[in-house]
């Protein structure tokens, strides 16, 4: 990932720990290329996991990446709605609000 991309906190981490962040990025890229899933599907899966963890930054990142990979607003929302029976409505509602903020930026 370019040192100019990402939120301010990510850029700070990249500046402080460039080798670590490069390794993390390389691992993510390697894992995505290791199987048959396309990038959009991979990002939607990661969006779901980020929501289940309650990680605002990861939800924001994977929502943006999924959109960039061709996901629609409805696909982002459905990905999260599918989690209601697994992680509960409050976490899904929170994640939907974070995704709405990303969609509002578009």
PDB file of N, CA and C in Angstrom:
ATOM      1  N   UNK A   1       0.852  -1.179   0.000  1.00  0.00           N
ATOM      2  CA  UNK A   1       0.000   0.000   0.000  1.00  0.00           C
ATOM      3  C   UNK A   1       0.887   1.229   0.000  1.00  0.00           C
ATOM      4  N   UNK A   2       0.520   2.172  -0.794  1.00  0.00           N
ATOM      5  CA  UNK A   2       1.257   3.419  -0.884  1.00  0.00           C
ATOM      6  C   UNK A   2       1.256   4.134   0.463  1.00  0.00           C
ATOM      7  N   UNK A   3       2.327   4.813   0.738  1.00  0.00           N
ATOM      8  CA  UNK A   3       2.420   5.533   2.002  1.00  0.00           C
ATOM      9  C   UNK A   3       1.449   6.706   2.073  1.00  0.00           C
ATOM     10  N   UNK A   4       0.876   7.126   0.951  1.00  0.00           N
ATOM     11  CA  UNK A   4      -0.049   8.249   0.942  1.00  0.00           C
ATOM     12  C   UNK A   4      -1.502   7.805   1.069  1.00  0.00           C
ATOM     13  N   UNK A   5      -1.776   6.507   0.982  1.00  0.00           N
ATOM     14  CA  UNK A   5      -3.147   6.017   1.043  1.00  0.00           C
ATOM     15  C   UNK A   5      -3.551   5.692   2.465  1.00  0.00           C
ATOM     16  N   UNK A   6      -4.861   5.669   2.669  1.00  0.00           N
ATOM     17  CA  UNK A   6      -5.402   5.223   3.937  1.00  0.00           C
ATOM     18  C   UNK A   6      -5.619   6.346   4.918  1.00  0.00           C
ATOM     19  N   UNK A   7      -6.312   6.012   6.021  1.00  0.00           N
ATOM     20  CA  UNK A   7      -6.575   7.007   7.053  1.00  0.00           C
ATOM     21  C   UNK A   7      -5.286   7.487   7.722  1.00  0.00           C
ATOM     22  N   UNK A   8      -5.399   8.585   8.395  1.00  0.00           N
ATOM     23  CA  UNK A   8      -4.243   9.200   9.057  1.00  0.00           C
ATOM     24  C   UNK A   8      -3.525   8.215   9.982  1.00  0.00           C
ATOM     25  N   UNK A   9      -4.282   7.464  10.753  1.00  0.00           N
ATOM     26  CA  UNK A   9      -3.663   6.516  11.678  1.00  0.00           C
ATOM     27  C   UNK A   9      -2.857   5.462  10.924  1.00  0.00           C
ATOM     28  N   UNK A  10      -3.403   4.957   9.832  1.00  0.00           N
ATOM     29  CA  UNK A  10      -2.686   3.954   9.030  1.00  0.00           C
ATOM     30  C   UNK A  10      -1.403   4.553   8.474  1.00  0.00           C
ATOM     31  N   UNK A  11      -1.478   5.784   7.981  1.00  0.00           N
ATOM     32  CA  UNK A  11      -0.279   6.438   7.438  1.00  0.00           C
ATOM     33  C   UNK A  11       0.784   6.619   8.511  1.00  0.00           C
ATOM     34  N   UNK A  12       0.355   6.921   9.741  1.00  0.00           N
ATOM     35  CA  UNK A  12       1.326   7.033  10.842  1.00  0.00           C
ATOM     36  C   UNK A  12       2.002   5.697  11.120  1.00  0.00           C
ATOM     37  N   UNK A  13       1.199   4.647  11.150  1.00  0.00           N
ATOM     38  CA  UNK A  13       1.769   3.317  11.364  1.00  0.00           C
ATOM     39  C   UNK A  13       2.736   2.952  10.244  1.00  0.00           C
ATOM     40  N   UNK A  14       2.359   3.276   9.012  1.00  0.00           N
ATOM     41  CA  UNK A  14       3.220   2.997   7.861  1.00  0.00           C
ATOM     42  C   UNK A  14       4.550   3.736   8.003  1.00  0.00           C
ATOM     43  N   UNK A  15       4.495   4.960   8.500  1.00  0.00           N
ATOM     44  CA  UNK A  15       5.723   5.746   8.673  1.00  0.00           C
ATOM     45  C   UNK A  15       6.589   5.177   9.802  1.00  0.00           C
ATOM     46  N   UNK A  16       5.958   4.783  10.903  1.00  0.00           N
ATOM     47  CA  UNK A  16       6.698   4.254  12.058  1.00  0.00           C
ATOM     48  C   UNK A  16       7.237   2.847  11.824  1.00  0.00           C
ATOM     49  N   UNK A  17       6.413   2.019  11.176  1.00  0.00           N
ATOM     50  CA  UNK A  17       6.749   0.601  11.039  1.00  0.00           C
ATOM     51  C   UNK A  17       6.605   0.149   9.582  1.00  0.00           C
ATOM     52  N   UNK A  18       7.378   0.735   8.687  1.00  0.00           N
ATOM     53  CA  UNK A  18       7.164   0.447   7.263  1.00  0.00           C
ATOM     54  C   UNK A  18       7.324  -1.026   6.894  1.00  0.00           C
ATOM     55  N   UNK A  19       8.295  -1.699   7.466  1.00  0.00           N
ATOM     56  CA  UNK A  19       8.500  -3.111   7.130  1.00  0.00           C
ATOM     57  C   UNK A  19       7.334  -3.977   7.612  1.00  0.00           C
ATOM     58  N   UNK A  20       6.822  -3.659   8.777  1.00  0.00           N
ATOM     59  CA  UNK A  20       5.694  -4.430   9.316  1.00  0.00           C
ATOM     60  C   UNK A  20       4.453  -4.224   8.455  1.00  0.00           C
ATOM     61  N   UNK A  21       4.125  -2.967   8.136  1.00  0.00           N
ATOM     62  CA  UNK A  21       2.935  -2.691   7.330  1.00  0.00           C
ATOM     63  C   UNK A  21       3.068  -3.243   5.924  1.00  0.00           C
ATOM     64  N   UNK A  22       4.274  -3.211   5.363  1.00  0.00           N
ATOM     65  CA  UNK A  22       4.481  -3.820   4.046  1.00  0.00           C
ATOM     66  C   UNK A  22       4.256  -5.329   4.116  1.00  0.00           C
ATOM     67  N   UNK A  23       4.726  -5.954   5.188  1.00  0.00           N
ATOM     68  CA  UNK A  23       4.524  -7.401   5.354  1.00  0.00           C
ATOM     69  C   UNK A  23       3.048  -7.743   5.499  1.00  0.00           C
ATOM     70  N   UNK A  24       2.312  -6.927   6.255  1.00  0.00           N
ATOM     71  CA  UNK A  24       0.871  -7.144   6.412  1.00  0.00           C
ATOM     72  C   UNK A  24       0.185  -7.027   5.057  1.00  0.00           C
ATOM     73  N   UNK A  25       0.521  -6.001   4.298  1.00  0.00           N
ATOM     74  CA  UNK A  25      -0.080  -5.799   2.978  1.00  0.00           C
ATOM     75  C   UNK A  25       0.273  -6.950   2.044  1.00  0.00           C
ATOM     76  N   UNK A  26       1.513  -7.389   2.071  1.00  0.00           N
ATOM     77  CA  UNK A  26       1.932  -8.505   1.218  1.00  0.00           C
ATOM     78  C   UNK A  26       1.220  -9.790   1.600  1.00  0.00           C
ATOM     79  N   UNK A  27       1.026 -10.023   2.894  1.00  0.00           N
ATOM     80  CA  UNK A  27       0.304 -11.209   3.337  1.00  0.00           C
ATOM     81  C   UNK A  27      -1.131 -11.174   2.819  1.00  0.00           C
ATOM     82  N   UNK A  28      -1.800 -10.043   2.970  1.00  0.00           N
ATOM     83  CA  UNK A  28      -3.170  -9.912   2.494  1.00  0.00           C
ATOM     84  C   UNK A  28      -3.272 -10.170   0.996  1.00  0.00           C
ATOM     85  N   UNK A  29      -2.361  -9.625   0.238  1.00  0.00           N
ATOM     86  CA  UNK A  29      -2.350  -9.812  -1.208  1.00  0.00           C
ATOM     87  C   UNK A  29      -2.098 -11.274  -1.571  1.00  0.00           C
ATOM     88  N   UNK A  30      -1.164 -11.894  -0.885  1.00  0.00           N
ATOM     89  CA  UNK A  30      -0.842 -13.301  -1.142  1.00  0.00           C
ATOM     90  C   UNK A  30      -2.031 -14.204  -0.848  1.00  0.00           C
ATOM     91  N   UNK A  31      -2.706 -13.963   0.263  1.00  0.00           N
ATOM     92  CA  UNK A  31      -3.854 -14.787   0.644  1.00  0.00           C
ATOM     93  C   UNK A  31      -4.998 -14.609  -0.350  1.00  0.00           C
ATOM     94  N   UNK A  32      -5.249 -13.378  -0.784  1.00  0.00           N
ATOM     95  CA  UNK A  32      -6.326 -13.151  -1.760  1.00  0.00           C
ATOM     96  C   UNK A  32      -6.053 -13.874  -3.071  1.00  0.00           C
ATOM     97  N   UNK A  33      -4.796 -13.934  -3.485  1.00  0.00           N
ATOM     98  CA  UNK A  33      -4.437 -14.587  -4.744  1.00  0.00           C
ATOM     99  C   UNK A  33      -4.365 -16.112  -4.624  1.00  0.00           C
ATOM    100  N   UNK A  34      -4.423 -16.643  -3.413  1.00  0.00           N
ATOM    101  CA  UNK A  34      -4.227 -18.084  -3.189  1.00  0.00           C
ATOM    102  C   UNK A  34      -5.447 -18.931  -3.518  1.00  0.00           C
ATOM    103  N   UNK A  35      -6.588 -18.299  -3.741  1.00  0.00           N
ATOM    104  CA  UNK A  35      -7.804 -19.078  -3.962  1.00  0.00           C
ATOM    105  C   UNK A  35      -8.665 -18.541  -5.072  1.00  0.00           C
ATOM    106  N   UNK A  36      -9.825 -19.170  -5.263  1.00  0.00           N
ATOM    107  CA  UNK A  36     -10.680 -18.838  -6.398  1.00  0.00           C
ATOM    108  C   UNK A  36     -11.618 -17.650  -6.205  1.00  0.00           C
ATOM    109  N   UNK A  37     -11.719 -17.110  -4.998  1.00  0.00           N
ATOM    110  CA  UNK A  37     -12.658 -16.006  -4.770  1.00  0.00           C
ATOM    111  C   UNK A  37     -12.166 -14.730  -5.442  1.00  0.00           C
ATOM    112  N   UNK A  38     -13.100 -13.996  -6.036  1.00  0.00           N
ATOM    113  CA  UNK A  38     -12.721 -12.723  -6.645  1.00  0.00           C
ATOM    114  C   UNK A  38     -12.537 -11.667  -5.552  1.00  0.00           C
ATOM    115  N   UNK A  39     -11.973 -10.540  -5.945  1.00  0.00           N
ATOM    116  CA  UNK A  39     -11.643  -9.492  -4.983  1.00  0.00           C
ATOM    117  C   UNK A  39     -12.889  -8.949  -4.282  1.00  0.00           C
ATOM    118  N   UNK A  40     -13.969  -8.741  -5.018  1.00  0.00           N
ATOM    119  CA  UNK A  40     -15.200  -8.214  -4.419  1.00  0.00           C
ATOM    120  C   UNK A  40     -15.703  -9.158  -3.328  1.00  0.00           C
ATOM    121  N   UNK A  41     -15.763 -10.438  -3.624  1.00  0.00           N
ATOM    122  CA  UNK A  41     -16.230 -11.420  -2.645  1.00  0.00           C
ATOM    123  C   UNK A  41     -15.318 -11.433  -1.426  1.00  0.00           C
ATOM    124  N   UNK A  42     -14.014 -11.393  -1.660  1.00  0.00           N
ATOM    125  CA  UNK A  42     -13.054 -11.371  -0.551  1.00  0.00           C
ATOM    126  C   UNK A  42     -13.270 -10.170   0.354  1.00  0.00           C
ATOM    127  N   UNK A  43     -13.491  -8.998  -0.249  1.00  0.00           N
ATOM    128  CA  UNK A  43     -13.699  -7.789   0.540  1.00  0.00           C
ATOM    129  C   UNK A  43     -15.017  -7.851   1.311  1.00  0.00           C
ATOM    130  N   UNK A  44     -16.053  -8.439   0.716  1.00  0.00           N
ATOM    131  CA  UNK A  44     -17.328  -8.568   1.428  1.00  0.00           C
ATOM    132  C   UNK A  44     -17.198  -9.512   2.617  1.00  0.00           C
ATOM    133  N   UNK A  45     -16.436 -10.583   2.456  1.00  0.00           N
ATOM    134  CA  UNK A  45     -16.183 -11.494   3.581  1.00  0.00           C
ATOM    135  C   UNK A  45     -15.434 -10.751   4.686  1.00  0.00           C
ATOM    136  N   UNK A  46     -14.412 -10.009   4.296  1.00  0.00           N
ATOM    137  CA  UNK A  46     -13.640  -9.275   5.294  1.00  0.00           C
ATOM    138  C   UNK A  46     -14.476  -8.181   5.950  1.00  0.00           C
ATOM    139  N   UNK A  47     -15.399  -7.598   5.213  1.00  0.00           N
ATOM    140  CA  UNK A  47     -16.334  -6.627   5.795  1.00  0.00           C
ATOM    141  C   UNK A  47     -17.157  -7.294   6.892  1.00  0.00           C
ATOM    142  N   UNK A  48     -17.655  -8.492   6.621  1.00  0.00           N
ATOM    143  CA  UNK A  48     -18.440  -9.219   7.613  1.00  0.00           C
ATOM    144  C   UNK A  48     -17.636  -9.535   8.866  1.00  0.00           C
ATOM    145  N   UNK A  49     -16.414  -9.950   8.683  1.00  0.00           N
ATOM    146  CA  UNK A  49     -15.564 -10.259   9.840  1.00  0.00           C
ATOM    147  C   UNK A  49     -15.264  -8.985  10.626  1.00  0.00           C
ATOM    148  N   UNK A  50     -14.972  -7.907   9.924  1.00  0.00           N
ATOM    149  CA  UNK A  50     -14.700  -6.629  10.598  1.00  0.00           C
ATOM    150  C   UNK A  50     -15.905  -6.191  11.423  1.00  0.00           C
ATOM    151  N   UNK A  51     -17.097  -6.362  10.867  1.00  0.00           N
ATOM    152  CA  UNK A  51     -18.320  -6.008  11.600  1.00  0.00           C
ATOM    153  C   UNK A  51     -18.474  -6.878  12.831  1.00  0.00           C
ATOM    154  N   UNK A  52     -18.184  -8.166  12.700  1.00  0.00           N
ATOM    155  CA  UNK A  52     -18.333  -9.066  13.844  1.00  0.00           C
ATOM    156  C   UNK A  52     -17.361  -8.713  14.963  1.00  0.00           C
ATOM    157  N   UNK A  53     -16.233  -8.141  14.603  1.00  0.00           N
ATOM    158  CA  UNK A  53     -15.255  -7.710  15.606  1.00  0.00           C
ATOM    159  C   UNK A  53     -15.560  -6.320  16.159  1.00  0.00           C
ATOM    160  N   UNK A  54     -16.469  -5.612  15.498  1.00  0.00           N
ATOM    161  CA  UNK A  54     -16.794  -4.256  15.930  1.00  0.00           C
ATOM    162  C   UNK A  54     -15.690  -3.259  15.625  1.00  0.00           C
ATOM    163  N   UNK A  55     -14.918  -3.539  14.578  1.00  0.00           N
ATOM    164  CA  UNK A  55     -13.788  -2.693  14.219  1.00  0.00           C
ATOM    165  C   UNK A  55     -14.212  -1.634  13.198  1.00  0.00           C
ATOM    166  N   UNK A  56     -14.408  -0.419  13.681  1.00  0.00           N
ATOM    167  CA  UNK A  56     -14.851   0.667  12.807  1.00  0.00           C
ATOM    168  C   UNK A  56     -13.878   0.883  11.658  1.00  0.00           C
ATOM    169  N   UNK A  57     -12.602   0.948  11.969  1.00  0.00           N
ATOM    170  CA  UNK A  57     -11.601   1.184  10.929  1.00  0.00           C
ATOM    171  C   UNK A  57     -11.600   0.101   9.872  1.00  0.00           C
ATOM    172  N   UNK A  58     -11.715  -1.147  10.289  1.00  0.00           N
ATOM    173  CA  UNK A  58     -11.734  -2.245   9.323  1.00  0.00           C
ATOM    174  C   UNK A  58     -13.019  -2.263   8.515  1.00  0.00           C
ATOM    175  N   UNK A  59     -14.145  -1.973   9.155  1.00  0.00           N
ATOM    176  CA  UNK A  59     -15.409  -1.884   8.413  1.00  0.00           C
ATOM    177  C   UNK A  59     -15.284  -0.796   7.354  1.00  0.00           C
ATOM    178  N   UNK A  60     -14.775   0.360   7.738  1.00  0.00           N
ATOM    179  CA  UNK A  60     -14.612   1.452   6.776  1.00  0.00           C
ATOM    180  C   UNK A  60     -13.693   1.050   5.629  1.00  0.00           C
ATOM    181  N   UNK A  61     -12.568   0.450   5.967  1.00  0.00           N
ATOM    182  CA  UNK A  61     -11.596   0.055   4.952  1.00  0.00           C
ATOM    183  C   UNK A  61     -12.169  -0.973   3.987  1.00  0.00           C
ATOM    184  N   UNK A  62     -12.800  -2.012   4.514  1.00  0.00           N
ATOM    185  CA  UNK A  62     -13.307  -3.067   3.634  1.00  0.00           C
ATOM    186  C   UNK A  62     -14.551  -2.625   2.871  1.00  0.00           C
ATOM    187  N   UNK A  63     -15.328  -1.718   3.431  1.00  0.00           N
ATOM    188  CA  UNK A  63     -16.455  -1.157   2.677  1.00  0.00           C
ATOM    189  C   UNK A  63     -15.926  -0.373   1.474  1.00  0.00           C
ATOM    190  N   UNK A  64     -14.923   0.467   1.702  1.00  0.00           N
ATOM    191  CA  UNK A  64     -14.331   1.231   0.599  1.00  0.00           C
ATOM    192  C   UNK A  64     -13.732   0.299  -0.451  1.00  0.00           C
ATOM    193  N   UNK A  65     -12.998  -0.702   0.024  1.00  0.00           N
ATOM    194  CA  UNK A  65     -12.353  -1.641  -0.905  1.00  0.00           C
ATOM    195  C   UNK A  65     -13.384  -2.449  -1.688  1.00  0.00           C
ATOM    196  N   UNK A  66     -14.456  -2.853  -1.022  1.00  0.00           N
ATOM    197  CA  UNK A  66     -15.508  -3.607  -1.707  1.00  0.00           C
ATOM    198  C   UNK A  66     -16.168  -2.742  -2.778  1.00  0.00           C
ATOM    199  N   UNK A  67     -16.442  -1.493  -2.449  1.00  0.00           N
ATOM    200  CA  UNK A  67     -17.008  -0.577  -3.444  1.00  0.00           C
ATOM    201  C   UNK A  67     -16.066  -0.438  -4.634  1.00  0.00           C
ATOM    202  N   UNK A  68     -14.797  -0.270  -4.343  1.00  0.00           N
ATOM    203  CA  UNK A  68     -13.791  -0.135  -5.397  1.00  0.00           C
ATOM    204  C   UNK A  68     -13.724  -1.402  -6.255  1.00  0.00           C
ATOM    205  N   UNK A  69     -13.990  -2.553  -5.644  1.00  0.00           N
ATOM    206  CA  UNK A  69     -13.964  -3.828  -6.365  1.00  0.00           C
ATOM    207  C   UNK A  69     -15.266  -4.110  -7.108  1.00  0.00           C
ATOM    208  N   UNK A  70     -16.221  -3.173  -7.027  1.00  0.00           N
ATOM    209  CA  UNK A  70     -17.449  -3.310  -7.788  1.00  0.00           C
ATOM    210  C   UNK A  70     -18.688  -3.675  -6.999  1.00  0.00           C
ATOM    211  N   UNK A  71     -18.594  -3.748  -5.683  1.00  0.00           N
ATOM    212  CA  UNK A  71     -19.771  -4.061  -4.871  1.00  0.00           C
ATOM    213  C   UNK A  71     -20.740  -2.890  -4.884  1.00  0.00           C
ATOM    214  N   UNK A  72     -22.009  -3.214  -4.832  1.00  0.00           N
ATOM    215  CA  UNK A  72     -23.042  -2.185  -4.774  1.00  0.00           C
ATOM    216  C   UNK A  72     -23.381  -1.871  -3.315  1.00  0.00           C
ATOM    217  N   UNK A  73     -24.083  -0.775  -3.123  1.00  0.00           N
ATOM    218  CA  UNK A  73     -24.570  -0.411  -1.787  1.00  0.00           C
ATOM    219  C   UNK A  73     -25.404  -1.559  -1.209  1.00  0.00           C
ATOM    220  N   UNK A  74     -26.246  -2.146  -2.040  1.00  0.00           N
ATOM    221  CA  UNK A  74     -27.108  -3.247  -1.593  1.00  0.00           C
ATOM    222  C   UNK A  74     -26.292  -4.472  -1.180  1.00  0.00           C
ATOM    223  N   UNK A  75     -25.201  -4.746  -1.883  1.00  0.00           N
ATOM    224  CA  UNK A  75     -24.351  -5.881  -1.523  1.00  0.00           C
ATOM    225  C   UNK A  75     -23.654  -5.655  -0.177  1.00  0.00           C
ATOM    226  N   UNK A  76     -23.218  -4.433   0.059  1.00  0.00           N
ATOM    227  CA  UNK A  76     -22.615  -4.119   1.360  1.00  0.00           C
ATOM    228  C   UNK A  76     -23.647  -4.333   2.468  1.00  0.00           C
ATOM    229  N   UNK A  77     -24.826  -3.798   2.266  1.00  0.00           N
ATOM    230  CA  UNK A  77     -25.866  -3.904   3.280  1.00  0.00           C
ATOM    231  C   UNK A  77     -26.292  -5.352   3.499  1.00  0.00           C
ATOM    232  N   UNK A  78     -26.445  -6.109   2.417  1.00  0.00           N
ATOM    233  CA  UNK A  78     -26.855  -7.509   2.556  1.00  0.00           C
ATOM    234  C   UNK A  78     -25.791  -8.322   3.275  1.00  0.00           C
ATOM    235  N   UNK A  79     -24.530  -8.058   2.968  1.00  0.00           N
ATOM    236  CA  UNK A  79     -23.432  -8.734   3.660  1.00  0.00           C
ATOM    237  C   UNK A  79     -23.587  -8.570   5.168  1.00  0.00           C
ATOM    238  N   UNK A  80     -23.919  -7.373   5.598  1.00  0.00           N
ATOM    239  CA  UNK A  80     -24.058  -7.114   7.031  1.00  0.00           C
ATOM    240  C   UNK A  80     -25.356  -7.689   7.589  1.00  0.00           C
ATOM    241  N   UNK A  81     -26.438  -7.565   6.848  1.00  0.00           N
ATOM    242  CA  UNK A  81     -27.712  -8.120   7.320  1.00  0.00           C
ATOM    243  C   UNK A  81     -27.632  -9.632   7.542  1.00  0.00           C
ATOM    244  N   UNK A  82     -26.838 -10.314   6.732  1.00  0.00           N
ATOM    245  CA  UNK A  82     -26.672 -11.763   6.884  1.00  0.00           C
ATOM    246  C   UNK A  82     -26.094 -12.148   8.245  1.00  0.00           C
ATOM    247  N   UNK A  83     -25.496 -11.195   8.923  1.00  0.00           N
ATOM    248  CA  UNK A  83     -24.841 -11.460  10.202  1.00  0.00           C
ATOM    249  C   UNK A  83     -25.769 -11.354  11.407  1.00  0.00           C
ATOM    250  N   UNK A  84     -26.983 -10.871  11.215  1.00  0.00           N
ATOM    251  CA  UNK A  84     -27.864 -10.609  12.359  1.00  0.00           C
ATOM    252  C   UNK A  84     -28.019 -11.827  13.255  1.00  0.00           C
ATOM    253  N   UNK A  85     -28.260 -12.999  12.667  1.00  0.00           N
ATOM    254  CA  UNK A  85     -28.480 -14.191  13.494  1.00  0.00           C
ATOM    255  C   UNK A  85     -27.193 -14.722  14.111  1.00  0.00           C
ATOM    256  N   UNK A  86     -26.066 -14.237  13.648  1.00  0.00           N
ATOM    257  CA  UNK A  86     -24.778 -14.706  14.155  1.00  0.00           C
ATOM    258  C   UNK A  86     -24.182 -13.775  15.204  1.00  0.00           C
ATOM    259  N   UNK A  87     -24.156 -12.472  14.895  1.00  0.00           N
ATOM    260  CA  UNK A  87     -23.499 -11.530  15.817  1.00  0.00           C
ATOM    261  C   UNK A  87     -24.481 -10.608  16.521  1.00  0.00           C
ATOM    262  N   UNK A  88     -25.743 -10.631  16.103  1.00  0.00           N
ATOM    263  CA  UNK A  88     -26.762  -9.826  16.766  1.00  0.00           C
ATOM    264  C   UNK A  88     -27.050  -8.519  16.057  1.00  0.00           C
ATOM    265  N   UNK A  89     -28.278  -8.068  16.249  1.00  0.00           N
ATOM    266  CA  UNK A  89     -28.732  -6.847  15.589  1.00  0.00           C
ATOM    267  C   UNK A  89     -27.944  -5.600  16.007  1.00  0.00           C
ATOM    268  N   UNK A  90     -27.604  -5.409  17.289  1.00  0.00           N
ATOM    269  CA  UNK A  90     -26.887  -4.175  17.645  1.00  0.00           C
ATOM    270  C   UNK A  90     -25.560  -4.003  16.902  1.00  0.00           C
ATOM    271  N   UNK A  91     -24.783  -5.087  16.784  1.00  0.00           N
ATOM    272  CA  UNK A  91     -23.508  -4.977  16.062  1.00  0.00           C
ATOM    273  C   UNK A  91     -23.736  -4.717  14.581  1.00  0.00           C
ATOM    274  N   UNK A  92     -24.758  -5.365  14.021  1.00  0.00           N
ATOM    275  CA  UNK A  92     -25.060  -5.144  12.609  1.00  0.00           C
ATOM    276  C   UNK A  92     -25.537  -3.711  12.391  1.00  0.00           C
ATOM    277  N   UNK A  93     -26.391  -3.218  13.257  1.00  0.00           N
ATOM    278  CA  UNK A  93     -26.883  -1.842  13.134  1.00  0.00           C
ATOM    279  C   UNK A  93     -25.718  -0.851  13.204  1.00  0.00           C
ATOM    280  N   UNK A  94     -24.776  -1.095  14.102  1.00  0.00           N
ATOM    281  CA  UNK A  94     -23.605  -0.216  14.206  1.00  0.00           C
ATOM    282  C   UNK A  94     -22.798  -0.258  12.909  1.00  0.00           C
ATOM    283  N   UNK A  95     -22.540  -1.460  12.407  1.00  0.00           N
ATOM    284  CA  UNK A  95     -21.755  -1.596  11.178  1.00  0.00           C
ATOM    285  C   UNK A  95     -22.469  -0.940   9.995  1.00  0.00           C
ATOM    286  N   UNK A  96     -23.788  -1.084   9.935  1.00  0.00           N
ATOM    287  CA  UNK A  96     -24.541  -0.421   8.868  1.00  0.00           C
ATOM    288  C   UNK A  96     -24.391   1.097   8.948  1.00  0.00           C
ATOM    289  N   UNK A  97     -24.359   1.635  10.157  1.00  0.00           N
ATOM    290  CA  UNK A  97     -24.195   3.087  10.300  1.00  0.00           C
ATOM    291  C   UNK A  97     -22.802   3.518   9.837  1.00  0.00           C
ATOM    292  N   UNK A  98     -21.782   2.698  10.107  1.00  0.00           N
ATOM    293  CA  UNK A  98     -20.423   3.020   9.654  1.00  0.00           C
ATOM    294  C   UNK A  98     -20.340   2.966   8.134  1.00  0.00           C
ATOM    295  N   UNK A  99     -20.998   1.965   7.542  1.00  0.00           N
ATOM    296  CA  UNK A  99     -21.013   1.857   6.085  1.00  0.00           C
ATOM    297  C   UNK A  99     -21.777   3.033   5.483  1.00  0.00           C
ATOM    298  N   UNK A 100     -22.873   3.440   6.118  1.00  0.00           N
ATOM    299  CA  UNK A 100     -23.612   4.605   5.625  1.00  0.00           C
ATOM    300  C   UNK A 100     -22.725   5.842   5.551  1.00  0.00           C
ATOM    301  N   UNK A 101     -21.846   6.007   6.518  1.00  0.00           N
ATOM    302  CA  UNK A 101     -20.920   7.140   6.495  1.00  0.00           C
ATOM    303  C   UNK A 101     -19.997   7.072   5.278  1.00  0.00           C
ATOM    304  N   UNK A 102     -19.543   5.872   4.947  1.00  0.00           N
ATOM    305  CA  UNK A 102     -18.688   5.695   3.763  1.00  0.00           C
ATOM    306  C   UNK A 102     -19.498   5.997   2.503  1.00  0.00           C
ATOM    307  N   UNK A 103     -20.716   5.490   2.465  1.00  0.00           N
ATOM    308  CA  UNK A 103     -21.567   5.725   1.288  1.00  0.00           C
ATOM    309  C   UNK A 103     -21.887   7.212   1.128  1.00  0.00           C
ATOM    310  N   UNK A 104     -22.065   7.911   2.244  1.00  0.00           N
ATOM    311  CA  UNK A 104     -22.328   9.343   2.193  1.00  0.00           C
ATOM    312  C   UNK A 104     -21.150  10.126   1.619  1.00  0.00           C
ATOM    313  N   UNK A 105     -19.938   9.600   1.799  1.00  0.00           N
ATOM    314  CA  UNK A 105     -18.733  10.238   1.260  1.00  0.00           C
ATOM    315  C   UNK A 105     -18.657  10.111  -0.257  1.00  0.00           C
ATOM    316  N   UNK A 106     -19.303   9.082  -0.795  1.00  0.00           N
ATOM    317  CA  UNK A 106     -19.211   8.785  -2.237  1.00  0.00           C
ATOM    318  C   UNK A 106     -19.909   9.827  -3.072  1.00  0.00           C
TER     319      UNK A 106
END
